[in-house]
Structures are given as structure tokens and as C-alpha cells.
N, C-alpha and C. Protein backbone atom coordinates (compact mmCIF):
# COMPACT_ATOMS: atom_id res chain seq x y z
N MET A 1 180.52 239.83 187.96
CA MET A 1 179.92 240.76 188.72
C MET A 1 178.19 240.55 188.82
N PRO A 2 177.59 241.12 189.49
CA PRO A 2 175.87 241.11 189.45
C PRO A 2 175.51 241.65 188.10
N PRO A 3 174.05 241.07 187.59
CA PRO A 3 173.86 241.98 186.70
C PRO A 3 173.79 243.46 187.03
N PRO A 4 173.52 244.54 186.33
CA PRO A 4 172.87 246.09 186.91
C PRO A 4 171.65 246.56 187.53
N ASN A 5 170.95 245.27 187.20
CA ASN A 5 169.76 245.44 188.04
C ASN A 5 169.44 244.83 189.01
N ALA A 6 170.60 243.96 189.13
CA ALA A 6 169.96 243.23 190.68
C ALA A 6 170.49 243.95 191.87
N VAL A 7 169.88 243.60 192.96
CA VAL A 7 169.93 244.34 194.37
C VAL A 7 170.99 244.05 194.90
N ARG A 8 172.04 244.41 195.11
CA ARG A 8 172.81 244.03 195.98
C ARG A 8 172.73 244.20 197.52
N ASN A 9 173.17 243.59 198.26
CA ASN A 9 173.11 243.77 199.96
C ASN A 9 174.23 244.02 200.17
N ALA A 10 174.31 245.21 201.12
CA ALA A 10 175.46 245.85 201.71
C ALA A 10 176.88 245.04 201.98
N GLN A 11 175.91 243.77 202.57
CA GLN A 11 177.27 242.78 203.06
C GLN A 11 177.97 242.07 202.26
N LEU A 12 177.76 242.47 200.80
CA LEU A 12 178.12 241.84 199.75
C LEU A 12 179.28 242.74 199.14
N GLN A 13 178.55 243.96 198.90
CA GLN A 13 179.69 245.42 198.60
C GLN A 13 180.89 245.22 199.69
N ALA A 14 180.46 245.17 201.08
CA ALA A 14 181.69 245.31 201.82
C ALA A 14 182.92 244.05 201.67
N LEU A 15 182.55 243.27 200.39
CA LEU A 15 183.49 242.13 200.53
C LEU A 15 184.27 242.76 199.05
N ASP A 16 184.12 244.06 198.53
CA ASP A 16 184.88 244.53 196.99
C ASP A 16 186.40 244.25 197.26
N PRO A 17 186.32 244.85 198.31
CA PRO A 17 188.35 245.20 198.35
C PRO A 17 189.00 243.48 198.00
N PHE A 18 188.35 242.31 198.26
CA PHE A 18 188.95 241.57 198.05
C PHE A 18 189.27 240.79 196.96
N VAL A 19 188.29 241.49 196.15
CA VAL A 19 188.28 240.91 194.57
C VAL A 19 189.22 241.26 193.67
N GLY A 20 190.00 239.88 193.33
CA GLY A 20 191.37 240.08 192.00
C GLY A 20 192.27 238.97 192.67
N ARG A 21 193.48 239.27 192.08
CA ARG A 21 194.36 238.56 192.10
C ARG A 21 195.42 239.02 193.10
N TRP A 22 195.66 237.81 193.92
CA TRP A 22 196.70 238.37 195.06
C TRP A 22 198.02 237.36 195.48
N ARG A 23 199.12 237.95 195.74
CA ARG A 23 200.32 236.79 196.12
C ARG A 23 200.23 236.71 197.59
N GLN A 24 200.13 235.20 197.86
CA GLN A 24 200.26 235.23 199.29
C GLN A 24 201.08 234.10 199.66
N GLU A 25 201.69 234.63 200.65
CA GLU A 25 203.12 233.95 201.71
C GLU A 25 202.39 233.44 202.89
N ILE A 26 202.91 232.20 203.11
CA ILE A 26 202.34 231.83 204.26
C ILE A 26 203.83 231.04 204.96
N ARG A 27 203.73 231.23 206.34
CA ARG A 27 205.05 231.63 207.06
C ARG A 27 204.69 230.47 208.34
N TRP A 28 205.22 229.16 208.29
CA TRP A 28 204.86 228.18 209.44
C TRP A 28 205.72 228.67 210.61
N SER A 29 204.90 228.31 211.56
CA SER A 29 205.53 228.29 212.76
C SER A 29 206.23 227.03 213.31
N GLN A 30 207.27 227.08 213.40
CA GLN A 30 207.82 225.83 213.15
C GLN A 30 207.77 224.85 214.58
N ALA A 31 207.46 225.62 215.70
CA ALA A 31 207.35 225.29 216.72
C ALA A 31 206.27 224.25 216.75
N THR A 32 205.11 225.10 216.10
CA THR A 32 203.68 223.96 216.38
C THR A 32 203.11 223.33 215.04
N HIS A 33 203.49 223.59 213.82
CA HIS A 33 202.60 223.03 212.79
C HIS A 33 203.61 221.62 212.31
N ARG A 34 202.14 221.16 212.00
CA ARG A 34 202.73 219.68 211.65
C ARG A 34 202.95 219.41 210.58
N LEU A 35 203.97 220.21 209.55
CA LEU A 35 204.77 219.96 208.44
C LEU A 35 206.08 220.76 208.88
N VAL A 36 206.28 220.70 210.08
CA VAL A 36 207.73 220.68 210.70
C VAL A 36 208.83 220.02 209.81
N GLY A 37 209.62 220.53 209.37
CA GLY A 37 210.75 219.99 208.42
C GLY A 37 210.35 220.37 207.27
N GLY A 38 209.62 221.12 206.68
CA GLY A 38 209.80 221.32 205.30
C GLY A 38 209.66 222.78 204.66
N PRO A 39 209.37 223.46 204.00
CA PRO A 39 209.96 224.64 203.75
C PRO A 39 209.37 225.53 204.78
N PRO A 40 210.14 226.94 205.36
CA PRO A 40 209.74 227.30 206.49
C PRO A 40 208.36 228.74 205.75
N SER A 41 208.33 228.96 204.71
CA SER A 41 207.29 229.70 203.81
C SER A 41 206.66 229.21 202.40
N VAL A 42 205.78 229.23 202.38
CA VAL A 42 205.14 228.90 201.10
C VAL A 42 204.51 230.17 200.29
N ARG A 43 205.36 230.32 198.95
CA ARG A 43 204.31 231.56 198.35
C ARG A 43 203.45 230.79 197.29
N MET A 44 202.13 231.06 196.87
CA MET A 44 201.01 231.04 196.07
C MET A 44 200.30 232.49 195.42
N SER A 45 199.68 231.72 194.25
CA SER A 45 198.89 233.16 194.00
C SER A 45 197.49 232.79 194.63
N VAL A 46 196.89 233.80 194.70
CA VAL A 46 195.30 233.22 195.42
C VAL A 46 194.41 234.42 194.48
N SER A 47 193.20 234.05 194.29
CA SER A 47 192.49 234.68 193.94
C SER A 47 190.90 235.02 194.43
N PHE A 48 190.26 236.28 194.60
CA PHE A 48 188.59 236.06 194.91
C PHE A 48 188.17 236.85 193.82
N GLU A 49 186.89 236.16 193.53
CA GLU A 49 185.80 236.49 192.23
C GLU A 49 184.37 236.30 192.61
N TRP A 50 183.84 236.76 192.27
CA TRP A 50 182.11 236.85 192.45
C TRP A 50 181.47 235.54 191.45
N ILE A 51 180.82 234.66 191.91
CA ILE A 51 180.10 233.73 191.29
C ILE A 51 178.65 234.05 191.77
N GLU A 52 177.94 232.99 190.77
CA GLU A 52 176.54 233.03 191.00
C GLU A 52 176.06 234.55 190.79
N ASP A 53 176.27 235.34 189.80
CA ASP A 53 175.74 236.52 189.51
C ASP A 53 176.37 237.51 190.63
N GLY A 54 176.97 237.27 191.49
CA GLY A 54 177.63 238.13 192.50
C GLY A 54 176.96 237.84 193.87
N ASP A 55 176.48 236.77 194.04
CA ASP A 55 175.80 236.34 195.23
C ASP A 55 176.78 235.80 196.31
N PHE A 56 177.91 235.12 195.85
CA PHE A 56 179.03 234.63 196.40
C PHE A 56 180.36 234.81 196.42
N LEU A 57 181.35 235.13 197.04
CA LEU A 57 182.64 235.33 196.80
C LEU A 57 183.67 234.03 196.80
N ILE A 58 184.41 233.63 195.55
CA ILE A 58 185.10 232.57 195.74
C ILE A 58 186.25 232.50 195.86
N HIS A 59 187.11 232.06 196.74
CA HIS A 59 188.56 232.70 196.96
C HIS A 59 189.36 230.84 196.48
N ARG A 60 190.21 231.23 195.60
CA ARG A 60 191.28 230.17 195.36
C ARG A 60 192.17 230.11 195.54
N ALA A 61 192.85 229.10 196.14
CA ALA A 61 194.39 229.13 196.37
C ALA A 61 195.12 227.98 195.94
N GLY A 62 196.45 227.81 195.34
CA GLY A 62 197.25 226.81 195.24
C GLY A 62 198.51 227.14 194.59
N GLY A 63 199.32 225.70 194.64
CA GLY A 63 200.59 225.66 194.15
C GLY A 63 201.69 226.49 195.00
N GLY A 64 202.56 226.35 194.96
CA GLY A 64 203.82 226.76 195.82
C GLY A 64 203.89 225.64 196.98
N GLY A 65 203.24 224.55 196.97
CA GLY A 65 203.70 223.73 197.80
C GLY A 65 202.86 223.52 199.30
N GLY A 66 201.97 224.39 198.92
CA GLY A 66 200.34 224.39 200.19
C GLY A 66 199.50 224.00 199.16
N PRO A 67 198.54 223.41 200.00
CA PRO A 67 197.55 222.67 199.68
C PRO A 67 196.52 223.41 198.70
N SER A 68 195.70 223.17 197.60
CA SER A 68 195.00 223.84 196.88
C SER A 68 193.65 223.51 197.48
N ALA A 69 193.14 225.11 197.94
CA ALA A 69 191.97 225.23 198.69
C ALA A 69 191.02 226.21 198.13
N ARG A 70 189.64 226.09 198.37
CA ARG A 70 188.59 226.67 197.67
C ARG A 70 187.30 227.35 198.91
N TRP A 71 187.53 228.28 199.11
CA TRP A 71 186.28 229.07 200.30
C TRP A 71 185.39 229.68 199.28
N ILE A 72 184.26 229.68 199.84
CA ILE A 72 183.07 230.32 199.50
C ILE A 72 182.31 231.04 200.50
N ILE A 73 182.14 232.28 200.19
CA ILE A 73 182.21 233.31 201.56
C ILE A 73 180.35 233.94 200.55
N GLY A 74 179.41 233.64 201.79
CA GLY A 74 178.41 234.51 201.51
C GLY A 74 177.79 235.03 202.98
N PRO A 75 177.05 236.60 202.71
CA PRO A 75 176.28 236.71 204.04
C PRO A 75 175.03 236.31 204.44
N ASP A 76 174.56 236.77 205.57
CA ASP A 76 173.11 236.45 206.25
C ASP A 76 172.77 237.79 206.52
N ASP A 77 171.68 237.95 205.55
CA ASP A 77 171.34 239.32 205.63
C ASP A 77 170.27 239.95 207.07
N THR A 78 170.09 238.89 207.40
CA THR A 78 169.22 239.12 208.69
C THR A 78 170.28 239.58 209.75
N THR A 79 171.29 238.34 210.08
CA THR A 79 172.10 238.74 211.17
C THR A 79 173.51 239.51 210.93
N GLY A 80 173.56 239.68 209.76
CA GLY A 80 174.77 240.53 209.73
C GLY A 80 176.07 239.83 209.66
N GLU A 81 175.96 238.43 209.84
CA GLU A 81 177.45 237.68 209.80
C GLU A 81 177.38 237.33 208.35
N TYR A 82 178.88 236.55 208.13
CA TYR A 82 179.09 235.83 207.18
C TYR A 82 179.48 234.45 207.50
N GLY A 83 179.25 233.54 206.09
CA GLY A 83 179.67 232.09 206.80
C GLY A 83 180.80 231.62 205.40
N ALA A 84 181.81 231.08 205.53
CA ALA A 84 182.54 230.55 204.67
C ALA A 84 182.70 229.11 204.80
N LEU A 85 182.82 228.35 203.53
CA LEU A 85 182.87 227.04 203.51
C LEU A 85 184.34 226.98 202.78
N TYR A 86 185.34 226.09 203.16
CA TYR A 86 186.45 225.93 202.95
C TYR A 86 186.47 224.06 202.65
N ALA A 87 187.03 224.33 201.57
CA ALA A 87 187.63 222.40 200.86
C ALA A 87 189.06 222.69 200.34
N ASP A 88 189.83 221.56 200.51
CA ASP A 88 190.91 221.41 199.71
C ASP A 88 191.27 220.19 198.73
N ASP A 89 192.84 219.87 198.76
CA ASP A 89 192.53 218.69 197.77
C ASP A 89 192.89 217.68 198.82
N ARG A 90 193.16 217.71 200.25
CA ARG A 90 193.57 217.00 201.30
C ARG A 90 192.48 216.09 201.50
N GLY A 91 191.42 216.81 200.80
CA GLY A 91 190.04 216.28 201.40
C GLY A 91 189.42 216.80 202.71
N VAL A 92 190.29 218.01 202.99
CA VAL A 92 189.31 218.72 204.25
C VAL A 92 188.06 219.60 203.82
N SER A 93 187.47 219.65 204.58
CA SER A 93 186.23 220.48 204.28
C SER A 93 186.00 220.89 206.02
N ARG A 94 185.60 222.33 205.62
CA ARG A 94 185.10 223.01 207.30
C ARG A 94 184.03 223.92 206.79
N VAL A 95 183.86 224.27 207.84
CA VAL A 95 182.51 225.60 208.09
C VAL A 95 183.28 226.36 208.91
N TYR A 96 183.11 227.88 208.64
CA TYR A 96 183.70 229.07 209.51
C TYR A 96 182.34 230.01 209.70
N GLY A 97 182.81 230.41 210.39
CA GLY A 97 182.18 232.35 210.55
C GLY A 97 183.10 232.99 210.23
N MET A 98 182.48 234.13 210.13
CA MET A 98 183.63 235.02 209.27
C MET A 98 182.58 236.40 209.40
N SER A 99 183.70 237.74 210.07
CA SER A 99 183.24 239.06 209.94
C SER A 99 184.47 239.96 209.58
N LEU A 100 184.03 241.16 209.00
CA LEU A 100 184.63 242.23 208.55
C LEU A 100 184.31 243.35 209.05
N GLU A 101 185.09 243.74 209.82
CA GLU A 101 184.75 245.00 210.02
C GLU A 101 185.66 246.18 210.55
N ARG A 102 185.37 247.59 210.17
CA ARG A 102 186.90 248.42 210.28
C ARG A 102 188.01 247.77 209.53
N GLY A 103 188.30 247.11 208.23
CA GLY A 103 189.28 246.31 208.26
C GLY A 103 189.92 245.37 208.73
N VAL A 104 189.31 244.81 209.51
CA VAL A 104 189.65 243.64 210.25
C VAL A 104 188.99 242.34 209.79
N TRP A 105 189.79 241.62 209.12
CA TRP A 105 188.64 240.02 208.22
C TRP A 105 188.95 238.97 209.42
N ARG A 106 188.10 238.41 209.82
CA ARG A 106 188.00 237.42 211.02
C ARG A 106 187.49 236.33 210.43
N LEU A 107 188.05 234.95 210.51
CA LEU A 107 187.53 233.49 210.55
C LEU A 107 187.70 232.85 211.83
N TRP A 108 186.75 231.93 212.34
CA TRP A 108 186.78 231.05 213.94
C TRP A 108 185.82 230.00 212.81
N ARG A 109 186.37 228.79 214.26
CA ARG A 109 186.06 227.78 213.89
C ARG A 109 186.16 226.86 215.54
N ASP A 110 184.90 226.29 215.74
CA ASP A 110 184.68 226.01 217.43
C ASP A 110 184.58 224.57 217.60
N ALA A 111 185.22 223.70 216.40
CA ALA A 111 184.92 222.76 216.64
C ALA A 111 185.38 221.68 217.94
N PRO A 112 184.57 220.92 218.32
CA PRO A 112 185.34 220.38 219.26
C PRO A 112 186.76 219.59 219.26
N GLY A 113 187.46 219.84 220.09
CA GLY A 113 189.02 219.11 219.99
C GLY A 113 190.22 219.75 218.59
N PHE A 114 189.47 220.72 217.71
CA PHE A 114 190.52 221.28 216.76
C PHE A 114 189.49 222.79 216.60
N ARG A 115 190.05 223.66 217.42
CA ARG A 115 189.26 225.05 217.44
C ARG A 115 190.40 225.94 216.45
N GLN A 116 189.74 226.99 215.69
CA GLN A 116 190.66 227.56 214.42
C GLN A 116 189.91 229.28 214.99
N ARG A 117 191.33 230.26 214.60
CA ARG A 117 190.96 231.64 214.44
C ARG A 117 191.90 232.47 213.62
N PHE A 118 191.52 233.28 213.02
CA PHE A 118 192.07 233.71 211.94
C PHE A 118 191.82 235.62 212.16
N ALA A 119 192.79 236.42 212.17
CA ALA A 119 192.89 237.72 211.94
C ALA A 119 193.63 238.28 210.91
N GLY A 120 192.96 238.97 210.00
CA GLY A 120 193.74 239.81 209.06
C GLY A 120 193.33 240.84 208.96
N THR A 121 194.56 241.97 208.99
CA THR A 121 194.01 243.55 209.16
C THR A 121 194.79 243.98 207.53
N PHE A 122 193.86 244.70 206.96
CA PHE A 122 194.37 245.65 205.91
C PHE A 122 194.72 246.69 205.97
N ASN A 123 195.60 247.01 204.90
CA ASN A 123 196.48 248.50 205.09
C ASN A 123 195.45 249.39 204.62
N ALA A 124 195.62 250.70 204.91
CA ALA A 124 194.79 251.68 204.42
C ALA A 124 194.38 251.72 202.63
N ALA A 125 195.15 251.49 201.78
CA ALA A 125 195.39 251.09 200.52
C ALA A 125 194.31 249.81 200.16
N GLN A 126 193.69 249.18 201.00
CA GLN A 126 193.59 247.73 200.90
C GLN A 126 194.10 246.87 199.86
N THR A 127 195.38 246.81 199.73
CA THR A 127 196.04 246.41 198.90
C THR A 127 197.04 245.01 199.62
N LEU A 128 197.42 245.27 200.93
CA LEU A 128 198.03 244.44 201.75
C LEU A 128 197.30 243.81 202.94
N ILE A 129 197.14 242.83 202.96
CA ILE A 129 196.62 241.86 204.08
C ILE A 129 197.31 241.11 204.94
N GLU A 130 197.91 241.43 206.44
CA GLU A 130 198.78 240.88 207.46
C GLU A 130 197.87 239.85 208.05
N ALA A 131 198.21 238.53 208.07
CA ALA A 131 197.29 237.79 209.01
C ALA A 131 197.84 236.90 209.79
N THR A 132 197.42 236.16 210.88
CA THR A 132 197.91 235.21 211.66
C THR A 132 196.42 233.96 211.93
N TRP A 133 196.99 232.74 212.00
CA TRP A 133 195.87 231.61 212.17
C TRP A 133 196.47 231.09 213.38
N GLU A 134 195.60 230.68 214.23
CA GLU A 134 195.78 230.39 215.49
C GLU A 134 194.95 229.13 215.69
N LYS A 135 195.28 227.98 216.47
CA LYS A 135 194.77 226.72 216.73
C LYS A 135 194.86 226.30 218.11
N ALA A 136 193.94 225.69 218.37
CA ALA A 136 193.33 225.24 219.70
C ALA A 136 192.70 223.96 220.00
N ALA A 137 193.36 223.14 220.78
CA ALA A 137 192.88 221.52 220.99
C ALA A 137 191.74 221.87 221.87
N GLY A 138 191.89 222.75 223.08
CA GLY A 138 191.31 223.20 224.44
C GLY A 138 190.68 224.27 224.17
N ASP A 139 190.26 224.69 225.68
CA ASP A 139 189.56 225.69 225.43
C ASP A 139 190.48 227.23 225.49
N ASP A 140 191.76 227.19 226.05
CA ASP A 140 192.42 228.15 225.86
C ASP A 140 194.02 227.92 225.46
N ASP A 141 193.94 227.02 224.95
CA ASP A 141 195.66 227.01 224.45
C ASP A 141 195.93 227.26 223.07
N TRP A 142 195.58 228.31 222.94
CA TRP A 142 195.54 228.92 221.69
C TRP A 142 196.89 228.79 221.39
N ALA A 143 197.88 228.53 220.63
CA ALA A 143 199.24 228.37 219.83
C ALA A 143 199.10 229.28 218.25
N LEU A 144 199.80 229.75 217.61
CA LEU A 144 199.98 230.40 216.39
C LEU A 144 200.34 228.95 215.53
N ASP A 145 199.45 228.97 214.37
CA ASP A 145 199.81 227.94 213.65
C ASP A 145 200.66 228.72 212.39
N PHE A 146 200.04 229.46 211.95
CA PHE A 146 200.84 230.19 210.81
C PHE A 146 200.79 231.62 210.41
N GLU A 147 201.58 232.27 209.80
CA GLU A 147 201.31 233.97 209.20
C GLU A 147 201.13 233.75 207.88
N ILE A 148 200.19 235.00 207.51
CA ILE A 148 200.26 234.97 205.87
C ILE A 148 200.15 236.45 205.79
N THR A 149 200.53 236.64 204.78
CA THR A 149 200.83 238.16 203.79
C THR A 149 199.78 238.04 202.61
N TYR A 150 199.27 238.68 202.17
CA TYR A 150 198.40 239.07 200.75
C TYR A 150 198.97 240.26 200.45
N GLU A 151 199.18 240.05 199.36
CA GLU A 151 199.98 241.16 198.27
C GLU A 151 198.92 241.56 197.05
N LYS A 152 198.03 242.79 196.97
CA LYS A 152 197.35 242.72 195.79
C LYS A 152 198.16 242.49 194.62
N ALA A 153 198.06 241.91 193.56
CA ALA A 153 198.46 241.98 192.27
C ALA A 153 198.26 243.25 191.14
N ALA A 154 199.16 243.65 190.80
CA ALA A 154 198.99 244.83 189.78
C ALA A 154 197.73 244.49 189.03
């Protein structure tokens, strides 16, 4: 957490519901996912915690058969938008836009040849997030990549 005398940007405060340990289940779309033939779902522990005196949120995921991944999330205080940097143990690194509005968490990437979008909805208690990742190679050929459920650990 930030020091008691630090001024916190309201966009950072909006990320507080993420902080803690979560159980994540990924359910692959067997029709479209590149790991077809593998397990239909993967369970792993994930965490969200503040780093750099609360200036950034880090999301760590790993184990259970999925890649070990890290996300670093932070806001732009002038535009109201968030950015998210992603890296995993496969050597993949990506830059995403992000928003969090009215309990809906969105991520997107519009790279040529491989676009992605994510939408996750918090329950009222902010202890469950139901989400989907979609991918597209072209402009309008979006397809389900996988579904994710995050459940906050007690």
C-alpha cells in the first residue's frame, strides 16, 4: 500500500477490489484454441498486489498447466485510461489498453494480424469475476479464445 501521506489518484483507488489472492479457472474453447488436445480447463492461483508504493498494480498467475504470467497495470491521470503490460514464461510480451467501469473490466489489443479483447464482470460483492477472451486475425472475425472465472480466496 502507498505511504499514509501519499496522494492517491482516484483511478488507483478504483483498482482496490482486485487486491488479494484469487483462484482462477481457464476454460479453453476447444474449437479455436491452439492448445486443442490438452486439458479442457486449467486452475491456478493468482494474486494482485500494489508495487512501487502503490503506483502500480501487479497481477501474477502461474501453475496448473498454464503459462506463468505477469501484468503491470497503471493509470494515465489525464486521459482516465489504464495501460497493462503483459509478459509470460513463453517469452510473450504485449501492451494492452484497459478500462474498469461500473464493475466491468476490459482489456484490448489491436495489433495487426492478432487482435484480442477481454471482458470480465465483477459480482456485487466483488469476490467473483466472470470473463471471456476473444481473438481476431482480421477486422470482424472475432472468436472465443477462452473463458475465465476468478474467485477471491478467503
